[in-house]
Every structure is written in C-alpha cells, then in structure tokens.
Amino acid sequence: MSEPTVVQLATRQLAAYNAADLDAFCGCYHDDIVVLDEDGSVSLQGAAPFRERYRPMFEQGNFGAQVDQRLHLGAHCVDAESYWRVGADGERTEGDVLVRYLARDGKIAVVQFLR
C-alpha cells in the first residue's frame, strides 16, 4: 500500500475531528508531531502532549470545522477552514483559520495555525 498523501491525511484528520474521534484524529499525526503557532514558534511537540491538548475538547464534543479552500504541493497542504465550538460555558464561538500541514513518513509531522 502506498503512503497516504498530505491531502488524504488532512481530509482524514478533519473527518476524525468532526466525529470527535480522538484516536483516529491523533492517528493521522506523527509520533514527533510539531505544532507551530502563527509566528513559527513551537507551541507543542510529541504525540502525548498533542493528545492531551485535544483530549478535553474531544471529551466535551460540540465543535466542528470545514475546509473552505485547500492548496497543496508535494508534502505541503494549506487549508482555509471555518470552525465553531461551544465552550463549557455554553457560548458558541466561530472563526476562520489557515492550517498548514507537512507530511513525513505517512503522517502529519508539522501543523501550523495561522489566525
């Protein structure tokens, strides 16, 4: 079987995100995942911290996102996403974000959020 492309990985992780399936979501990411903030600083690194960051949100549910536009080239993919979530206080927030993915070894190795 061939290695999944970055577009397949981005699509798969978004479907898992929208289904609040933490195992499937985290399964799309490399063991050494690096999460970058808008200025390129590392905000998180490694599968365990990545899972822990998302665990509370996935346990609560009540969130979702959709891709409004996608660009890709080689191992790179950039999605323009619209998202929504309902906080523990019951307040709904919505927004837009650019998400950059870089694939390595059949997984997403780098993800960067541009707000």
PDB file of N, CA and C in Angstrom:
ATOM      1  N   MET A   1       0.852  -1.183   0.000  1.00  0.00           N
ATOM      2  CA  MET A   1       0.000   0.000   0.000  1.00  0.00           C
ATOM      3  C   MET A   1       0.893   1.240   0.000  1.00  0.00           C
ATOM      4  N   SER A   2       0.512   2.227  -0.783  1.00  0.00           N
ATOM      5  CA  SER A   2       1.321   3.439  -0.844  1.00  0.00           C
ATOM      6  C   SER A   2       1.042   4.333   0.354  1.00  0.00           C
ATOM      7  N   GLU A   3       1.985   5.196   0.612  1.00  0.00           N
ATOM      8  CA  GLU A   3       1.881   6.138   1.725  1.00  0.00           C
ATOM      9  C   GLU A   3       0.762   7.140   1.452  1.00  0.00           C
ATOM     10  N   PRO A   4      -0.040   7.489   2.478  1.00  0.00           N
ATOM     11  CA  PRO A   4      -1.087   8.482   2.236  1.00  0.00           C
ATOM     12  C   PRO A   4      -0.489   9.841   1.894  1.00  0.00           C
ATOM     13  N   THR A   5      -1.169  10.550   1.032  1.00  0.00           N
ATOM     14  CA  THR A   5      -0.714  11.885   0.675  1.00  0.00           C
ATOM     15  C   THR A   5      -1.112  12.865   1.769  1.00  0.00           C
ATOM     16  N   VAL A   6      -0.517  14.030   1.751  1.00  0.00           N
ATOM     17  CA  VAL A   6      -0.842  15.051   2.739  1.00  0.00           C
ATOM     18  C   VAL A   6      -2.309  15.460   2.628  1.00  0.00           C
ATOM     19  N   VAL A   7      -2.863  15.455   1.429  1.00  0.00           N
ATOM     20  CA  VAL A   7      -4.275  15.797   1.258  1.00  0.00           C
ATOM     21  C   VAL A   7      -5.154  14.719   1.889  1.00  0.00           C
ATOM     22  N   GLN A   8      -4.809  13.453   1.683  1.00  0.00           N
ATOM     23  CA  GLN A   8      -5.563  12.370   2.313  1.00  0.00           C
ATOM     24  C   GLN A   8      -5.483  12.469   3.834  1.00  0.00           C
ATOM     25  N   LEU A   9      -4.313  12.782   4.345  1.00  0.00           N
ATOM     26  CA  LEU A   9      -4.137  12.919   5.796  1.00  0.00           C
ATOM     27  C   LEU A   9      -4.942  14.098   6.335  1.00  0.00           C
ATOM     28  N   ALA A  10      -4.899  15.231   5.644  1.00  0.00           N
ATOM     29  CA  ALA A  10      -5.649  16.405   6.082  1.00  0.00           C
ATOM     30  C   ALA A  10      -7.149  16.112   6.075  1.00  0.00           C
ATOM     31  N   THR A  11      -7.612  15.417   5.055  1.00  0.00           N
ATOM     32  CA  THR A  11      -9.023  15.053   4.951  1.00  0.00           C
ATOM     33  C   THR A  11      -9.409  14.087   6.064  1.00  0.00           C
ATOM     34  N   ARG A  12      -8.571  13.094   6.295  1.00  0.00           N
ATOM     35  CA  ARG A  12      -8.839  12.077   7.316  1.00  0.00           C
ATOM     36  C   ARG A  12      -8.858  12.689   8.719  1.00  0.00           C
ATOM     37  N   GLN A  13      -7.903  13.567   9.011  1.00  0.00           N
ATOM     38  CA  GLN A  13      -7.866  14.150  10.358  1.00  0.00           C
ATOM     39  C   GLN A  13      -9.058  15.069  10.587  1.00  0.00           C
ATOM     40  N   LEU A  14      -9.523  15.775   9.543  1.00  0.00           N
ATOM     41  CA  LEU A  14     -10.684  16.643   9.694  1.00  0.00           C
ATOM     42  C   LEU A  14     -11.956  15.819   9.940  1.00  0.00           C
ATOM     43  N   ALA A  15     -12.089  14.700   9.244  1.00  0.00           N
ATOM     44  CA  ALA A  15     -13.248  13.829   9.466  1.00  0.00           C
ATOM     45  C   ALA A  15     -13.244  13.294  10.898  1.00  0.00           C
ATOM     46  N   ALA A  16     -12.070  12.901  11.390  1.00  0.00           N
ATOM     47  CA  ALA A  16     -11.961  12.408  12.767  1.00  0.00           C
ATOM     48  C   ALA A  16     -12.239  13.530  13.760  1.00  0.00           C
ATOM     49  N   TYR A  17     -11.769  14.718  13.464  1.00  0.00           N
ATOM     50  CA  TYR A  17     -12.026  15.894  14.305  1.00  0.00           C
ATOM     51  C   TYR A  17     -13.528  16.127  14.412  1.00  0.00           C
ATOM     52  N   ASN A  18     -14.202  16.159  13.271  1.00  0.00           N
ATOM     53  CA  ASN A  18     -15.634  16.425  13.256  1.00  0.00           C
ATOM     54  C   ASN A  18     -16.439  15.310  13.919  1.00  0.00           C
ATOM     55  N   ALA A  19     -15.912  14.096  13.940  1.00  0.00           N
ATOM     56  CA  ALA A  19     -16.568  12.971  14.602  1.00  0.00           C
ATOM     57  C   ALA A  19     -16.185  12.883  16.081  1.00  0.00           C
ATOM     58  N   ALA A  20     -15.312  13.779  16.538  1.00  0.00           N
ATOM     59  CA  ALA A  20     -14.792  13.764  17.913  1.00  0.00           C
ATOM     60  C   ALA A  20     -14.180  12.407  18.249  1.00  0.00           C
ATOM     61  N   ASP A  21     -13.448  11.840  17.269  1.00  0.00           N
ATOM     62  CA  ASP A  21     -12.773  10.552  17.442  1.00  0.00           C
ATOM     63  C   ASP A  21     -11.295  10.834  17.697  1.00  0.00           C
ATOM     64  N   LEU A  22     -10.934  10.930  18.964  1.00  0.00           N
ATOM     65  CA  LEU A  22      -9.570  11.318  19.339  1.00  0.00           C
ATOM     66  C   LEU A  22      -8.534  10.333  18.829  1.00  0.00           C
ATOM     67  N   ASP A  23      -8.820   9.028  18.902  1.00  0.00           N
ATOM     68  CA  ASP A  23      -7.850   8.033  18.445  1.00  0.00           C
ATOM     69  C   ASP A  23      -7.588   8.167  16.945  1.00  0.00           C
ATOM     70  N   ALA A  24      -8.650   8.291  16.158  1.00  0.00           N
ATOM     71  CA  ALA A  24      -8.484   8.436  14.709  1.00  0.00           C
ATOM     72  C   ALA A  24      -7.790   9.752  14.373  1.00  0.00           C
ATOM     73  N   PHE A  25      -8.151  10.815  15.079  1.00  0.00           N
ATOM     74  CA  PHE A  25      -7.538  12.123  14.869  1.00  0.00           C
ATOM     75  C   PHE A  25      -6.033  12.054  15.134  1.00  0.00           C
ATOM     76  N   CYS A  26      -5.664  11.579  16.305  1.00  0.00           N
ATOM     77  CA  CYS A  26      -4.244  11.505  16.674  1.00  0.00           C
ATOM     78  C   CYS A  26      -3.483  10.514  15.792  1.00  0.00           C
ATOM     79  N   GLY A  27      -4.175   9.505  15.278  1.00  0.00           N
ATOM     80  CA  GLY A  27      -3.544   8.525  14.395  1.00  0.00           C
ATOM     81  C   GLY A  27      -3.057   9.104  13.083  1.00  0.00           C
ATOM     82  N   CYS A  28      -3.518  10.291  12.729  1.00  0.00           N
ATOM     83  CA  CYS A  28      -3.081  10.950  11.491  1.00  0.00           C
ATOM     84  C   CYS A  28      -1.765  11.697  11.681  1.00  0.00           C
ATOM     85  N   TYR A  29      -1.353  11.863  12.932  1.00  0.00           N
ATOM     86  CA  TYR A  29      -0.184  12.684  13.256  1.00  0.00           C
ATOM     87  C   TYR A  29       1.010  11.828  13.648  1.00  0.00           C
ATOM     88  N   HIS A  30       2.172  12.290  13.266  1.00  0.00           N
ATOM     89  CA  HIS A  30       3.455  11.636  13.527  1.00  0.00           C
ATOM     90  C   HIS A  30       3.731  11.583  15.035  1.00  0.00           C
ATOM     91  N   ASP A  31       4.453  10.575  15.473  1.00  0.00           N
ATOM     92  CA  ASP A  31       4.832  10.477  16.898  1.00  0.00           C
ATOM     93  C   ASP A  31       5.608  11.701  17.363  1.00  0.00           C
ATOM     94  N   ASP A  32       6.344  12.319  16.445  1.00  0.00           N
ATOM     95  CA  ASP A  32       7.132  13.506  16.772  1.00  0.00           C
ATOM     96  C   ASP A  32       6.457  14.784  16.253  1.00  0.00           C
ATOM     97  N   ILE A  33       5.126  14.816  16.262  1.00  0.00           N
ATOM     98  CA  ILE A  33       4.386  15.965  15.732  1.00  0.00           C
ATOM     99  C   ILE A  33       4.898  17.263  16.353  1.00  0.00           C
ATOM    100  N   VAL A  34       5.040  18.266  15.506  1.00  0.00           N
ATOM    101  CA  VAL A  34       5.425  19.604  15.943  1.00  0.00           C
ATOM    102  C   VAL A  34       4.276  20.536  15.590  1.00  0.00           C
ATOM    103  N   VAL A  35       3.772  21.254  16.593  1.00  0.00           N
ATOM    104  CA  VAL A  35       2.706  22.233  16.391  1.00  0.00           C
ATOM    105  C   VAL A  35       3.342  23.613  16.502  1.00  0.00           C
ATOM    106  N   LEU A  36       3.136  24.406  15.450  1.00  0.00           N
ATOM    107  CA  LEU A  36       3.692  25.756  15.402  1.00  0.00           C
ATOM    108  C   LEU A  36       2.575  26.779  15.552  1.00  0.00           C
ATOM    109  N   ASP A  37       2.893  27.884  16.217  1.00  0.00           N
ATOM    110  CA  ASP A  37       1.930  28.972  16.281  1.00  0.00           C
ATOM    111  C   ASP A  37       2.136  29.879  15.073  1.00  0.00           C
ATOM    112  N   GLU A  38       1.429  30.955  15.050  1.00  0.00           N
ATOM    113  CA  GLU A  38       1.409  31.819  13.869  1.00  0.00           C
ATOM    114  C   GLU A  38       2.789  32.354  13.481  1.00  0.00           C
ATOM    115  N   ASP A  39       3.622  32.648  14.460  1.00  0.00           N
ATOM    116  CA  ASP A  39       4.940  33.200  14.131  1.00  0.00           C
ATOM    117  C   ASP A  39       6.003  32.130  13.913  1.00  0.00           C
ATOM    118  N   GLY A  40       5.600  30.859  13.925  1.00  0.00           N
ATOM    119  CA  GLY A  40       6.526  29.764  13.666  1.00  0.00           C
ATOM    120  C   GLY A  40       7.175  29.199  14.907  1.00  0.00           C
ATOM    121  N   SER A  41       6.821  29.687  16.076  1.00  0.00           N
ATOM    122  CA  SER A  41       7.362  29.148  17.324  1.00  0.00           C
ATOM    123  C   SER A  41       6.702  27.812  17.638  1.00  0.00           C
ATOM    124  N   VAL A  42       7.482  26.898  18.188  1.00  0.00           N
ATOM    125  CA  VAL A  42       6.947  25.591  18.583  1.00  0.00           C
ATOM    126  C   VAL A  42       6.078  25.784  19.827  1.00  0.00           C
ATOM    127  N   SER A  43       4.807  25.417  19.713  1.00  0.00           N
ATOM    128  CA  SER A  43       3.909  25.520  20.863  1.00  0.00           C
ATOM    129  C   SER A  43       3.690  24.166  21.522  1.00  0.00           C
ATOM    130  N   LEU A  44       4.037  23.097  20.811  1.00  0.00           N
ATOM    131  CA  LEU A  44       3.853  21.749  21.346  1.00  0.00           C
ATOM    132  C   LEU A  44       4.636  20.777  20.489  1.00  0.00           C
ATOM    133  N   GLN A  45       5.171  19.729  21.103  1.00  0.00           N
ATOM    134  CA  GLN A  45       5.889  18.710  20.339  1.00  0.00           C
ATOM    135  C   GLN A  45       5.678  17.353  20.979  1.00  0.00           C
ATOM    136  N   GLY A  46       5.376  16.361  20.154  1.00  0.00           N
ATOM    137  CA  GLY A  46       5.232  14.990  20.607  1.00  0.00           C
ATOM    138  C   GLY A  46       3.788  14.530  20.667  1.00  0.00           C
ATOM    139  N   ALA A  47       3.595  13.228  20.445  1.00  0.00           N
ATOM    140  CA  ALA A  47       2.254  12.649  20.374  1.00  0.00           C
ATOM    141  C   ALA A  47       1.499  12.738  21.697  1.00  0.00           C
ATOM    142  N   ALA A  48       2.154  12.482  22.812  1.00  0.00           N
ATOM    143  CA  ALA A  48       1.450  12.501  24.102  1.00  0.00           C
ATOM    144  C   ALA A  48       0.940  13.905  24.458  1.00  0.00           C
ATOM    145  N   PRO A  49       1.776  14.939  24.371  1.00  0.00           N
ATOM    146  CA  PRO A  49       1.262  16.287  24.639  1.00  0.00           C
ATOM    147  C   PRO A  49       0.181  16.716  23.640  1.00  0.00           C
ATOM    148  N   PHE A  50       0.318  16.278  22.385  1.00  0.00           N
ATOM    149  CA  PHE A  50      -0.676  16.602  21.364  1.00  0.00           C
ATOM    150  C   PHE A  50      -2.035  16.001  21.753  1.00  0.00           C
ATOM    151  N   ARG A  51      -2.038  14.730  22.116  1.00  0.00           N
ATOM    152  CA  ARG A  51      -3.267  14.057  22.537  1.00  0.00           C
ATOM    153  C   ARG A  51      -3.870  14.761  23.756  1.00  0.00           C
ATOM    154  N   GLU A  52      -3.026  15.121  24.713  1.00  0.00           N
ATOM    155  CA  GLU A  52      -3.511  15.753  25.937  1.00  0.00           C
ATOM    156  C   GLU A  52      -4.113  17.124  25.656  1.00  0.00           C
ATOM    157  N   ARG A  53      -3.567  17.838  24.668  1.00  0.00           N
ATOM    158  CA  ARG A  53      -4.119  19.143  24.311  1.00  0.00           C
ATOM    159  C   ARG A  53      -5.555  19.006  23.809  1.00  0.00           C
ATOM    160  N   TYR A  54      -5.810  17.977  23.012  1.00  0.00           N
ATOM    161  CA  TYR A  54      -7.125  17.821  22.399  1.00  0.00           C
ATOM    162  C   TYR A  54      -8.112  16.994  23.228  1.00  0.00           C
ATOM    163  N   ARG A  55      -7.622  16.182  24.152  1.00  0.00           N
ATOM    164  CA  ARG A  55      -8.487  15.272  24.911  1.00  0.00           C
ATOM    165  C   ARG A  55      -9.679  15.967  25.563  1.00  0.00           C
ATOM    166  N   PRO A  56      -9.499  17.062  26.331  1.00  0.00           N
ATOM    167  CA  PRO A  56     -10.661  17.685  26.972  1.00  0.00           C
ATOM    168  C   PRO A  56     -11.717  18.174  25.975  1.00  0.00           C
ATOM    169  N   MET A  57     -11.276  18.738  24.878  1.00  0.00           N
ATOM    170  CA  MET A  57     -12.209  19.236  23.876  1.00  0.00           C
ATOM    171  C   MET A  57     -12.995  18.082  23.255  1.00  0.00           C
ATOM    172  N   PHE A  58     -12.304  16.985  22.932  1.00  0.00           N
ATOM    173  CA  PHE A  58     -12.964  15.839  22.314  1.00  0.00           C
ATOM    174  C   PHE A  58     -13.923  15.174  23.301  1.00  0.00           C
ATOM    175  N   GLU A  59     -13.590  15.167  24.568  1.00  0.00           N
ATOM    176  CA  GLU A  59     -14.489  14.592  25.572  1.00  0.00           C
ATOM    177  C   GLU A  59     -15.769  15.409  25.689  1.00  0.00           C
ATOM    178  N   GLN A  60     -15.656  16.712  25.575  1.00  0.00           N
ATOM    179  CA  GLN A  60     -16.824  17.584  25.668  1.00  0.00           C
ATOM    180  C   GLN A  60     -17.656  17.536  24.394  1.00  0.00           C
ATOM    181  N   GLY A  61     -16.987  17.410  23.226  1.00  0.00           N
ATOM    182  CA  GLY A  61     -17.699  17.440  21.949  1.00  0.00           C
ATOM    183  C   GLY A  61     -18.141  18.855  21.630  1.00  0.00           C
ATOM    184  N   ASN A  62     -19.128  18.978  20.758  1.00  0.00           N
ATOM    185  CA  ASN A  62     -19.716  20.271  20.435  1.00  0.00           C
ATOM    186  C   ASN A  62     -18.756  21.198  19.689  1.00  0.00           C
ATOM    187  N   PHE A  63     -18.162  20.708  18.626  1.00  0.00           N
ATOM    188  CA  PHE A  63     -17.262  21.505  17.795  1.00  0.00           C
ATOM    189  C   PHE A  63     -17.261  20.936  16.382  1.00  0.00           C
ATOM    190  N   GLY A  64     -16.746  21.688  15.457  1.00  0.00           N
ATOM    191  CA  GLY A  64     -16.629  21.205  14.089  1.00  0.00           C
ATOM    192  C   GLY A  64     -15.890  22.206  13.220  1.00  0.00           C
ATOM    193  N   ALA A  65     -15.537  21.754  12.037  1.00  0.00           N
ATOM    194  CA  ALA A  65     -14.824  22.606  11.083  1.00  0.00           C
ATOM    195  C   ALA A  65     -15.102  22.113   9.672  1.00  0.00           C
ATOM    196  N   GLN A  66     -14.896  23.010   8.726  1.00  0.00           N
ATOM    197  CA  GLN A  66     -14.995  22.627   7.320  1.00  0.00           C
ATOM    198  C   GLN A  66     -13.912  23.352   6.549  1.00  0.00           C
ATOM    199  N   VAL A  67     -13.471  22.713   5.482  1.00  0.00           N
ATOM    200  CA  VAL A  67     -12.461  23.311   4.607  1.00  0.00           C
ATOM    201  C   VAL A  67     -13.182  24.142   3.555  1.00  0.00           C
ATOM    202  N   ASP A  68     -12.842  25.414   3.515  1.00  0.00           N
ATOM    203  CA  ASP A  68     -13.423  26.309   2.520  1.00  0.00           C
ATOM    204  C   ASP A  68     -12.566  26.374   1.264  1.00  0.00           C
ATOM    205  N   GLN A  69     -11.263  26.161   1.432  1.00  0.00           N
ATOM    206  CA  GLN A  69     -10.332  26.176   0.300  1.00  0.00           C
ATOM    207  C   GLN A  69      -9.098  25.385   0.694  1.00  0.00           C
ATOM    208  N   ARG A  70      -8.518  24.689  -0.270  1.00  0.00           N
ATOM    209  CA  ARG A  70      -7.324  23.884   0.008  1.00  0.00           C
ATOM    210  C   ARG A  70      -6.319  24.070  -1.120  1.00  0.00           C
ATOM    211  N   LEU A  71      -5.070  24.265  -0.726  1.00  0.00           N
ATOM    212  CA  LEU A  71      -3.944  24.304  -1.653  1.00  0.00           C
ATOM    213  C   LEU A  71      -2.963  23.229  -1.224  1.00  0.00           C
ATOM    214  N   HIS A  72      -2.340  22.578  -2.189  1.00  0.00           N
ATOM    215  CA  HIS A  72      -1.325  21.591  -1.813  1.00  0.00           C
ATOM    216  C   HIS A  72      -0.248  21.512  -2.884  1.00  0.00           C
ATOM    217  N   LEU A  73       0.925  21.161  -2.422  1.00  0.00           N
ATOM    218  CA  LEU A  73       2.071  20.971  -3.298  1.00  0.00           C
ATOM    219  C   LEU A  73       3.009  20.002  -2.612  1.00  0.00           C
ATOM    220  N   GLY A  74       3.242  18.867  -3.237  1.00  0.00           N
ATOM    221  CA  GLY A  74       4.132  17.866  -2.659  1.00  0.00           C
ATOM    222  C   GLY A  74       3.655  17.430  -1.290  1.00  0.00           C
ATOM    223  N   ALA A  75       4.501  17.574  -0.291  1.00  0.00           N
ATOM    224  CA  ALA A  75       4.194  17.149   1.076  1.00  0.00           C
ATOM    225  C   ALA A  75       3.504  18.242   1.885  1.00  0.00           C
ATOM    226  N   HIS A  76       3.156  19.365   1.226  1.00  0.00           N
ATOM    227  CA  HIS A  76       2.560  20.508   1.916  1.00  0.00           C
ATOM    228  C   HIS A  76       1.084  20.664   1.545  1.00  0.00           C
ATOM    229  N   CYS A  77       0.295  21.084   2.513  1.00  0.00           N
ATOM    230  CA  CYS A  77      -1.125  21.356   2.309  1.00  0.00           C
ATOM    231  C   CYS A  77      -1.491  22.530   3.205  1.00  0.00           C
ATOM    232  N   VAL A  78      -2.269  23.460   2.668  1.00  0.00           N
ATOM    233  CA  VAL A  78      -2.782  24.580   3.460  1.00  0.00           C
ATOM    234  C   VAL A  78      -4.293  24.612   3.272  1.00  0.00           C
ATOM    235  N   ASP A  79      -5.006  24.528   4.389  1.00  0.00           N
ATOM    236  CA  ASP A  79      -6.465  24.587   4.366  1.00  0.00           C
ATOM    237  C   ASP A  79      -6.933  25.907   4.953  1.00  0.00           C
ATOM    238  N   ALA A  80      -7.866  26.557   4.276  1.00  0.00           N
ATOM    239  CA  ALA A  80      -8.601  27.677   4.855  1.00  0.00           C
ATOM    240  C   ALA A  80      -9.845  27.049   5.460  1.00  0.00           C
ATOM    241  N   GLU A  81      -9.965  27.119   6.777  1.00  0.00           N
ATOM    242  CA  GLU A  81     -11.051  26.450   7.487  1.00  0.00           C
ATOM    243  C   GLU A  81     -11.942  27.447   8.204  1.00  0.00           C
ATOM    244  N   SER A  82     -13.217  27.089   8.291  1.00  0.00           N
ATOM    245  CA  SER A  82     -14.178  27.757   9.155  1.00  0.00           C
ATOM    246  C   SER A  82     -14.452  26.780  10.290  1.00  0.00           C
ATOM    247  N   TYR A  83     -14.445  27.274  11.519  1.00  0.00           N
ATOM    248  CA  TYR A  83     -14.669  26.384  12.656  1.00  0.00           C
ATOM    249  C   TYR A  83     -15.701  26.979  13.608  1.00  0.00           C
ATOM    250  N   TRP A  84     -16.226  26.126  14.450  1.00  0.00           N
ATOM    251  CA  TRP A  84     -17.132  26.547  15.514  1.00  0.00           C
ATOM    252  C   TRP A  84     -16.908  25.619  16.701  1.00  0.00           C
ATOM    253  N   ARG A  85     -17.204  26.129  17.865  1.00  0.00           N
ATOM    254  CA  ARG A  85     -17.160  25.303  19.069  1.00  0.00           C
ATOM    255  C   ARG A  85     -18.032  25.941  20.131  1.00  0.00           C
ATOM    256  N   VAL A  86     -18.531  25.101  21.010  1.00  0.00           N
ATOM    257  CA  VAL A  86     -19.313  25.559  22.146  1.00  0.00           C
ATOM    258  C   VAL A  86     -18.482  25.271  23.386  1.00  0.00           C
ATOM    259  N   GLY A  87     -18.179  26.326  24.141  1.00  0.00           N
ATOM    260  CA  GLY A  87     -17.355  26.189  25.337  1.00  0.00           C
ATOM    261  C   GLY A  87     -18.122  25.571  26.491  1.00  0.00           C
ATOM    262  N   ALA A  88     -17.402  25.290  27.559  1.00  0.00           N
ATOM    263  CA  ALA A  88     -18.010  24.714  28.764  1.00  0.00           C
ATOM    264  C   ALA A  88     -19.097  25.628  29.316  1.00  0.00           C
ATOM    265  N   ASP A  89     -18.992  26.923  29.023  1.00  0.00           N
ATOM    266  CA  ASP A  89     -19.994  27.887  29.490  1.00  0.00           C
ATOM    267  C   ASP A  89     -21.219  27.939  28.586  1.00  0.00           C
ATOM    268  N   GLY A  90     -21.222  27.137  27.516  1.00  0.00           N
ATOM    269  CA  GLY A  90     -22.349  27.097  26.593  1.00  0.00           C
ATOM    270  C   GLY A  90     -22.292  28.145  25.505  1.00  0.00           C
ATOM    271  N   GLU A  91     -21.245  28.958  25.498  1.00  0.00           N
ATOM    272  CA  GLU A  91     -21.125  30.017  24.497  1.00  0.00           C
ATOM    273  C   GLU A  91     -20.500  29.474  23.216  1.00  0.00           C
ATOM    274  N   ARG A  92     -21.140  29.767  22.095  1.00  0.00           N
ATOM    275  CA  ARG A  92     -20.648  29.330  20.782  1.00  0.00           C
ATOM    276  C   ARG A  92     -19.709  30.387  20.219  1.00  0.00           C
ATOM    277  N   THR A  93     -18.562  29.944  19.734  1.00  0.00           N
ATOM    278  CA  THR A  93     -17.633  30.819  19.035  1.00  0.00           C
ATOM    279  C   THR A  93     -17.402  30.257  17.640  1.00  0.00           C
ATOM    280  N   GLU A  94     -17.140  31.132  16.714  1.00  0.00           N
ATOM    281  CA  GLU A  94     -16.862  30.758  15.329  1.00  0.00           C
ATOM    282  C   GLU A  94     -15.664  31.550  14.843  1.00  0.00           C
ATOM    283  N   GLY A  95     -14.997  31.021  13.831  1.00  0.00           N
ATOM    284  CA  GLY A  95     -13.874  31.753  13.285  1.00  0.00           C
ATOM    285  C   GLY A  95     -13.309  31.096  12.047  1.00  0.00           C
ATOM    286  N   ASP A  96     -12.270  31.699  11.554  1.00  0.00           N
ATOM    287  CA  ASP A  96     -11.558  31.207  10.376  1.00  0.00           C
ATOM    288  C   ASP A  96     -10.091  31.058  10.736  1.00  0.00           C
ATOM    289  N   VAL A  97      -9.458  30.078  10.130  1.00  0.00           N
ATOM    290  CA  VAL A  97      -8.046  29.814  10.391  1.00  0.00           C
ATOM    291  C   VAL A  97      -7.429  29.183   9.145  1.00  0.00           C
ATOM    292  N   LEU A  98      -6.167  29.504   8.901  1.00  0.00           N
ATOM    293  CA  LEU A  98      -5.390  28.766   7.920  1.00  0.00           C
ATOM    294  C   LEU A  98      -4.608  27.709   8.685  1.00  0.00           C
ATOM    295  N   VAL A  99      -4.637  26.492   8.177  1.00  0.00           N
ATOM    296  CA  VAL A  99      -3.909  25.397   8.816  1.00  0.00           C
ATOM    297  C   VAL A  99      -2.944  24.824   7.786  1.00  0.00           C
ATOM    298  N   ARG A 100      -1.666  24.836   8.144  1.00  0.00           N
ATOM    299  CA  ARG A 100      -0.619  24.309   7.248  1.00  0.00           C
ATOM    300  C   ARG A 100      -0.177  22.955   7.764  1.00  0.00           C
ATOM    301  N   TYR A 101      -0.156  21.967   6.876  1.00  0.00           N
ATOM    302  CA  TYR A 101       0.275  20.615   7.216  1.00  0.00           C
ATOM    303  C   TYR A 101       1.506  20.253   6.400  1.00  0.00           C
ATOM    304  N   LEU A 102       2.407  19.532   7.011  1.00  0.00           N
ATOM    305  CA  LEU A 102       3.557  18.958   6.325  1.00  0.00           C
ATOM    306  C   LEU A 102       3.591  17.476   6.676  1.00  0.00           C
ATOM    307  N   ALA A 103       3.612  16.627   5.664  1.00  0.00           N
ATOM    308  CA  ALA A 103       3.618  15.176   5.877  1.00  0.00           C
ATOM    309  C   ALA A 103       5.040  14.620   5.805  1.00  0.00           C
ATOM    310  N   ARG A 104       5.276  13.608   6.633  1.00  0.00           N
ATOM    311  CA  ARG A 104       6.541  12.864   6.622  1.00  0.00           C
ATOM    312  C   ARG A 104       6.247  11.454   7.121  1.00  0.00           C
ATOM    313  N   ASP A 105       6.791  10.461   6.462  1.00  0.00           N
ATOM    314  CA  ASP A 105       6.628   9.065   6.865  1.00  0.00           C
ATOM    315  C   ASP A 105       5.158   8.654   6.950  1.00  0.00           C
ATOM    316  N   GLY A 106       4.315   9.183   6.069  1.00  0.00           N
ATOM    317  CA  GLY A 106       2.916   8.788   6.014  1.00  0.00           C
ATOM    318  C   GLY A 106       2.041   9.360   7.105  1.00  0.00           C
ATOM    319  N   LYS A 107       2.518  10.387   7.793  1.00  0.00           N
ATOM    320  CA  LYS A 107       1.757  11.042   8.861  1.00  0.00           C
ATOM    321  C   LYS A 107       1.966  12.552   8.757  1.00  0.00           C
ATOM    322  N   ILE A 108       1.115  13.312   9.431  1.00  0.00           N
ATOM    323  CA  ILE A 108       1.315  14.757   9.515  1.00  0.00           C
ATOM    324  C   ILE A 108       2.390  15.007  10.555  1.00  0.00           C
ATOM    325  N   ALA A 109       3.506  15.613  10.121  1.00  0.00           N
ATOM    326  CA  ALA A 109       4.663  15.818  11.002  1.00  0.00           C
ATOM    327  C   ALA A 109       4.699  17.220  11.577  1.00  0.00           C
ATOM    328  N   VAL A 110       4.148  18.181  10.841  1.00  0.00           N
ATOM    329  CA  VAL A 110       4.118  19.574  11.287  1.00  0.00           C
ATOM    330  C   VAL A 110       2.734  20.128  10.977  1.00  0.00           C
ATOM    331  N   VAL A 111       2.163  20.836  11.947  1.00  0.00           N
ATOM    332  CA  VAL A 111       0.916  21.559  11.731  1.00  0.00           C
ATOM    333  C   VAL A 111       1.107  22.956  12.298  1.00  0.00           C
ATOM    334  N   GLN A 112       0.660  23.941  11.530  1.00  0.00           N
ATOM    335  CA  GLN A 112       0.794  25.335  11.945  1.00  0.00           C
ATOM    336  C   GLN A 112      -0.544  26.035  11.779  1.00  0.00           C
ATOM    337  N   PHE A 113      -0.938  26.783  12.799  1.00  0.00           N
ATOM    338  CA  PHE A 113      -2.197  27.508  12.790  1.00  0.00           C
ATOM    339  C   PHE A 113      -1.935  28.992  12.571  1.00  0.00           C
ATOM    340  N   LEU A 114      -2.538  29.545  11.541  1.00  0.00           N
ATOM    341  CA  LEU A 114      -2.376  30.940  11.170  1.00  0.00           C
ATOM    342  C   LEU A 114      -3.729  31.632  11.342  1.00  0.00           C
ATOM    343  N   ARG A 115      -3.797  32.539  12.294  1.00  0.00           N
ATOM    344  CA  ARG A 115      -5.074  33.211  12.594  1.00  0.00           C
ATOM    345  C   ARG A 115      -5.000  34.674  12.234  1.00  0.00           C
TER     346      ARG A 115
END
